[in-house]
N, C-alpha and C. Protein backbone atom coordinates (compact mmCIF):
# COMPACT_ATOMS: atom_id res chain seq x y z
N ILE A 1 51.19 -94.04 -151.55
CA ILE A 1 51.18 -93.26 -152.77
C ILE A 1 50.92 -91.80 -152.44
N HIS A 2 50.04 -91.54 -151.50
CA HIS A 2 49.73 -90.15 -151.17
C HIS A 2 50.90 -89.45 -150.49
N TYR A 3 51.70 -90.19 -149.74
CA TYR A 3 52.79 -89.57 -149.00
C TYR A 3 53.77 -88.88 -149.94
N PHE A 4 54.11 -89.53 -151.06
CA PHE A 4 55.08 -88.88 -151.95
C PHE A 4 54.49 -87.64 -152.58
N GLY A 5 53.16 -87.56 -152.70
CA GLY A 5 52.51 -86.33 -153.17
C GLY A 5 52.75 -85.18 -152.21
N PHE A 6 52.69 -85.48 -150.92
CA PHE A 6 52.98 -84.46 -149.92
C PHE A 6 54.47 -84.09 -149.94
N GLU A 7 55.32 -85.08 -150.20
CA GLU A 7 56.75 -84.77 -150.33
C GLU A 7 56.97 -83.79 -151.48
N ALA A 8 56.31 -84.03 -152.61
CA ALA A 8 56.44 -83.16 -153.78
C ALA A 8 55.90 -81.77 -153.48
N LEU A 9 54.75 -81.70 -152.84
CA LEU A 9 54.16 -80.41 -152.49
C LEU A 9 55.08 -79.63 -151.55
N GLY A 10 55.60 -80.31 -150.54
CA GLY A 10 56.51 -79.66 -149.60
C GLY A 10 57.76 -79.13 -150.29
N ALA A 11 58.32 -79.94 -151.19
CA ALA A 11 59.53 -79.52 -151.92
C ALA A 11 59.23 -78.33 -152.83
N ALA A 12 58.07 -78.35 -153.49
CA ALA A 12 57.70 -77.25 -154.38
C ALA A 12 57.46 -75.97 -153.58
N LEU A 13 56.80 -76.08 -152.44
CA LEU A 13 56.57 -74.90 -151.58
C LEU A 13 57.90 -74.32 -151.09
N GLU A 14 58.80 -75.21 -150.70
CA GLU A 14 60.10 -74.75 -150.23
C GLU A 14 60.88 -74.07 -151.35
N LYS A 15 60.84 -74.67 -152.54
CA LYS A 15 61.57 -74.12 -153.69
C LYS A 15 60.98 -72.77 -154.11
N ALA A 16 59.64 -72.66 -154.11
CA ALA A 16 58.99 -71.42 -154.53
C ALA A 16 59.15 -70.32 -153.49
N GLY A 17 59.12 -70.71 -152.21
CA GLY A 17 59.24 -69.73 -151.14
C GLY A 17 58.03 -68.84 -150.99
N THR A 18 56.93 -69.22 -151.62
CA THR A 18 55.71 -68.40 -151.61
C THR A 18 54.53 -69.28 -152.00
N LEU A 19 53.32 -68.76 -151.75
CA LEU A 19 52.11 -69.45 -152.20
C LEU A 19 51.61 -68.88 -153.52
N ASP A 20 52.37 -67.97 -154.12
CA ASP A 20 52.00 -67.40 -155.41
C ASP A 20 51.85 -68.52 -156.43
N ARG A 21 50.69 -68.56 -157.07
CA ARG A 21 50.34 -69.66 -157.97
C ARG A 21 51.37 -69.87 -159.08
N GLU A 22 51.77 -68.82 -159.76
CA GLU A 22 52.70 -68.94 -160.87
C GLU A 22 54.09 -69.40 -160.41
N LYS A 23 54.54 -68.87 -159.28
CA LYS A 23 55.85 -69.26 -158.76
C LYS A 23 55.83 -70.71 -158.27
N LEU A 24 54.71 -71.10 -157.67
CA LEU A 24 54.57 -72.48 -157.21
C LEU A 24 54.53 -73.44 -158.39
N LEU A 25 53.83 -73.07 -159.44
CA LEU A 25 53.77 -73.90 -160.65
C LEU A 25 55.17 -74.04 -161.26
N ALA A 26 55.90 -72.94 -161.36
CA ALA A 26 57.26 -72.98 -161.92
C ALA A 26 58.17 -73.87 -161.06
N ALA A 27 58.04 -73.76 -159.75
CA ALA A 27 58.85 -74.58 -158.84
C ALA A 27 58.50 -76.06 -159.00
N THR A 28 57.23 -76.36 -159.16
CA THR A 28 56.80 -77.75 -159.34
C THR A 28 57.37 -78.32 -160.63
N LYS A 29 57.29 -77.55 -161.70
CA LYS A 29 57.81 -78.01 -162.99
C LYS A 29 59.31 -78.27 -162.94
N ALA A 30 60.02 -77.57 -162.06
CA ALA A 30 61.48 -77.70 -161.96
C ALA A 30 61.91 -78.76 -160.95
N LEU A 31 60.97 -79.41 -160.28
CA LEU A 31 61.34 -80.39 -159.26
C LEU A 31 62.10 -81.57 -159.85
N ASP A 32 63.04 -82.05 -159.11
CA ASP A 32 63.76 -83.28 -159.40
C ASP A 32 64.20 -83.78 -158.03
N ILE A 33 63.37 -84.61 -157.40
CA ILE A 33 63.61 -85.02 -156.02
C ILE A 33 63.50 -86.53 -155.86
N GLU A 34 64.11 -87.02 -154.80
CA GLU A 34 63.96 -88.42 -154.40
C GLU A 34 62.84 -88.48 -153.36
N THR A 35 61.88 -89.36 -153.59
CA THR A 35 60.78 -89.55 -152.66
C THR A 35 60.85 -90.98 -152.10
N ILE A 36 59.93 -91.30 -151.22
CA ILE A 36 59.90 -92.68 -150.70
C ILE A 36 59.60 -93.68 -151.79
N SER A 37 59.04 -93.21 -152.91
CA SER A 37 58.69 -94.09 -154.02
C SER A 37 59.68 -94.00 -155.18
N GLY A 38 60.74 -93.22 -155.02
CA GLY A 38 61.72 -93.09 -156.09
C GLY A 38 61.86 -91.65 -156.58
N ARG A 39 62.56 -91.49 -157.69
CA ARG A 39 62.84 -90.16 -158.24
C ARG A 39 61.59 -89.58 -158.90
N LEU A 40 61.32 -88.31 -158.62
CA LEU A 40 60.16 -87.62 -159.19
C LEU A 40 60.60 -86.37 -159.92
N ARG A 41 60.19 -86.29 -161.16
CA ARG A 41 60.35 -85.09 -162.00
C ARG A 41 59.04 -84.91 -162.73
N PHE A 42 58.85 -83.74 -163.33
CA PHE A 42 57.65 -83.49 -164.11
C PHE A 42 58.05 -83.16 -165.54
N ASP A 43 57.37 -83.78 -166.51
CA ASP A 43 57.62 -83.52 -167.92
C ASP A 43 57.15 -82.10 -168.23
N PRO A 44 58.05 -81.23 -168.71
CA PRO A 44 57.66 -79.84 -168.95
C PRO A 44 56.58 -79.69 -170.03
N ALA A 45 56.53 -80.62 -170.97
CA ALA A 45 55.54 -80.52 -172.05
C ALA A 45 54.15 -80.94 -171.61
N THR A 46 54.08 -81.98 -170.77
CA THR A 46 52.77 -82.53 -170.40
C THR A 46 52.37 -82.24 -168.96
N GLY A 47 53.36 -81.93 -168.12
CA GLY A 47 53.08 -81.72 -166.70
C GLY A 47 52.92 -83.01 -165.92
N GLN A 48 53.08 -84.15 -166.59
CA GLN A 48 52.92 -85.44 -165.94
C GLN A 48 54.17 -85.80 -165.14
N GLY A 49 53.94 -86.36 -163.97
CA GLY A 49 55.05 -86.83 -163.15
C GLY A 49 55.67 -88.07 -163.76
N THR A 50 56.97 -88.22 -163.58
CA THR A 50 57.68 -89.36 -164.15
C THR A 50 57.74 -90.55 -163.19
N LEU A 51 57.23 -90.38 -162.01
CA LEU A 51 57.29 -91.43 -161.00
C LEU A 51 56.19 -92.44 -161.23
N ASN A 52 56.55 -93.70 -161.16
CA ASN A 52 55.58 -94.78 -161.25
C ASN A 52 55.48 -95.37 -159.84
N PRO A 53 54.52 -94.88 -159.04
CA PRO A 53 54.48 -95.31 -157.64
C PRO A 53 54.05 -96.76 -157.49
N PHE A 54 54.59 -97.38 -156.48
CA PHE A 54 54.26 -98.76 -156.18
C PHE A 54 53.62 -98.83 -154.80
N PRO A 55 52.66 -99.73 -154.62
CA PRO A 55 52.00 -99.85 -153.31
C PRO A 55 53.00 -100.24 -152.22
N THR A 56 52.90 -99.54 -151.11
CA THR A 56 53.75 -99.81 -149.96
C THR A 56 52.89 -99.92 -148.71
N GLN A 57 53.45 -100.52 -147.69
CA GLN A 57 52.84 -100.56 -146.37
C GLN A 57 53.92 -100.20 -145.36
N ILE A 58 53.50 -99.66 -144.24
CA ILE A 58 54.43 -99.48 -143.14
C ILE A 58 54.35 -100.74 -142.30
N GLN A 59 55.46 -101.45 -142.22
CA GLN A 59 55.53 -102.69 -141.46
C GLN A 59 56.69 -102.57 -140.48
N GLU A 60 56.37 -102.72 -139.21
CA GLU A 60 57.37 -102.62 -138.15
C GLU A 60 58.16 -101.31 -138.26
N GLY A 61 57.45 -100.23 -138.59
CA GLY A 61 58.05 -98.91 -138.61
C GLY A 61 58.82 -98.54 -139.86
N ARG A 62 58.79 -99.37 -140.89
CA ARG A 62 59.50 -99.01 -142.12
C ARG A 62 58.61 -99.26 -143.33
N TYR A 63 58.89 -98.51 -144.41
CA TYR A 63 58.11 -98.66 -145.63
C TYR A 63 58.57 -99.91 -146.37
N VAL A 64 57.60 -100.74 -146.77
CA VAL A 64 57.86 -101.98 -147.49
C VAL A 64 57.09 -101.94 -148.80
N THR A 65 57.79 -102.11 -149.92
CA THR A 65 57.13 -102.19 -151.22
C THR A 65 56.51 -103.57 -151.32
N ILE A 66 55.20 -103.62 -151.64
CA ILE A 66 54.51 -104.91 -151.66
C ILE A 66 54.10 -105.36 -153.06
N TRP A 67 54.28 -104.50 -154.06
CA TRP A 67 53.94 -104.87 -155.44
C TRP A 67 54.64 -103.94 -156.39
N PRO A 68 55.06 -104.35 -157.54
CA PRO A 68 54.96 -105.67 -158.17
C PRO A 68 55.98 -106.66 -157.57
N PRO A 69 55.70 -107.94 -157.76
CA PRO A 69 56.53 -108.97 -157.13
C PRO A 69 58.02 -108.85 -157.43
N GLU A 70 58.37 -108.42 -158.64
CA GLU A 70 59.79 -108.38 -159.01
C GLU A 70 60.60 -107.32 -158.25
N ILE A 71 59.94 -106.37 -157.62
CA ILE A 71 60.67 -105.38 -156.82
C ILE A 71 60.21 -105.34 -155.37
N ALA A 72 59.24 -106.18 -155.02
CA ALA A 72 58.69 -106.16 -153.66
C ALA A 72 59.77 -106.47 -152.63
N SER A 73 59.73 -105.73 -151.54
CA SER A 73 60.67 -105.98 -150.44
C SER A 73 59.97 -106.69 -149.28
N GLY A 74 58.69 -107.02 -149.47
CA GLY A 74 57.93 -107.73 -148.47
C GLY A 74 56.58 -108.14 -149.02
N LYS A 75 55.81 -108.84 -148.22
CA LYS A 75 54.48 -109.30 -148.64
C LYS A 75 53.41 -108.41 -148.03
N HIS A 76 52.27 -108.32 -148.71
CA HIS A 76 51.12 -107.57 -148.23
C HIS A 76 50.61 -108.20 -146.94
N VAL A 77 50.38 -107.39 -145.94
CA VAL A 77 49.85 -107.87 -144.66
C VAL A 77 48.40 -107.42 -144.57
N TYR A 78 47.48 -108.41 -144.45
CA TYR A 78 46.06 -108.10 -144.34
C TYR A 78 45.43 -109.07 -143.36
N PRO A 79 44.61 -108.61 -142.46
CA PRO A 79 44.30 -107.21 -142.23
C PRO A 79 45.50 -106.48 -141.63
N ARG A 80 45.49 -105.19 -141.81
CA ARG A 80 46.58 -104.36 -141.29
C ARG A 80 46.65 -104.53 -139.77
N PRO A 81 47.85 -104.77 -139.23
CA PRO A 81 47.97 -104.91 -137.77
C PRO A 81 47.40 -103.68 -137.06
N GLY A 82 46.62 -103.91 -136.05
CA GLY A 82 46.03 -102.82 -135.29
C GLY A 82 44.71 -102.32 -135.84
N SER A 83 44.24 -102.90 -136.95
CA SER A 83 43.00 -102.41 -137.55
C SER A 83 41.77 -103.15 -137.04
N GLN A 84 41.98 -104.16 -136.24
CA GLN A 84 40.83 -104.95 -135.77
C GLN A 84 40.36 -104.47 -134.42
């Protein structure tokens, strides 16, 4: 979930071309990008993102959606490999 936040920040910074707060805010409001979690836009009235992120894990080097079951591309692996 955090990764797509960095994707959005990177896209907004690139679009704004500056760290100026107002320009960065305007660039963020105008975003319409594809992230690892799907399409992300921001509602101009509320500022809320339109993306409904789903839990993912990196399994064998690729992102796997693990919930909800109706869209899952794999099962949750616990404990995470390499965490022991």
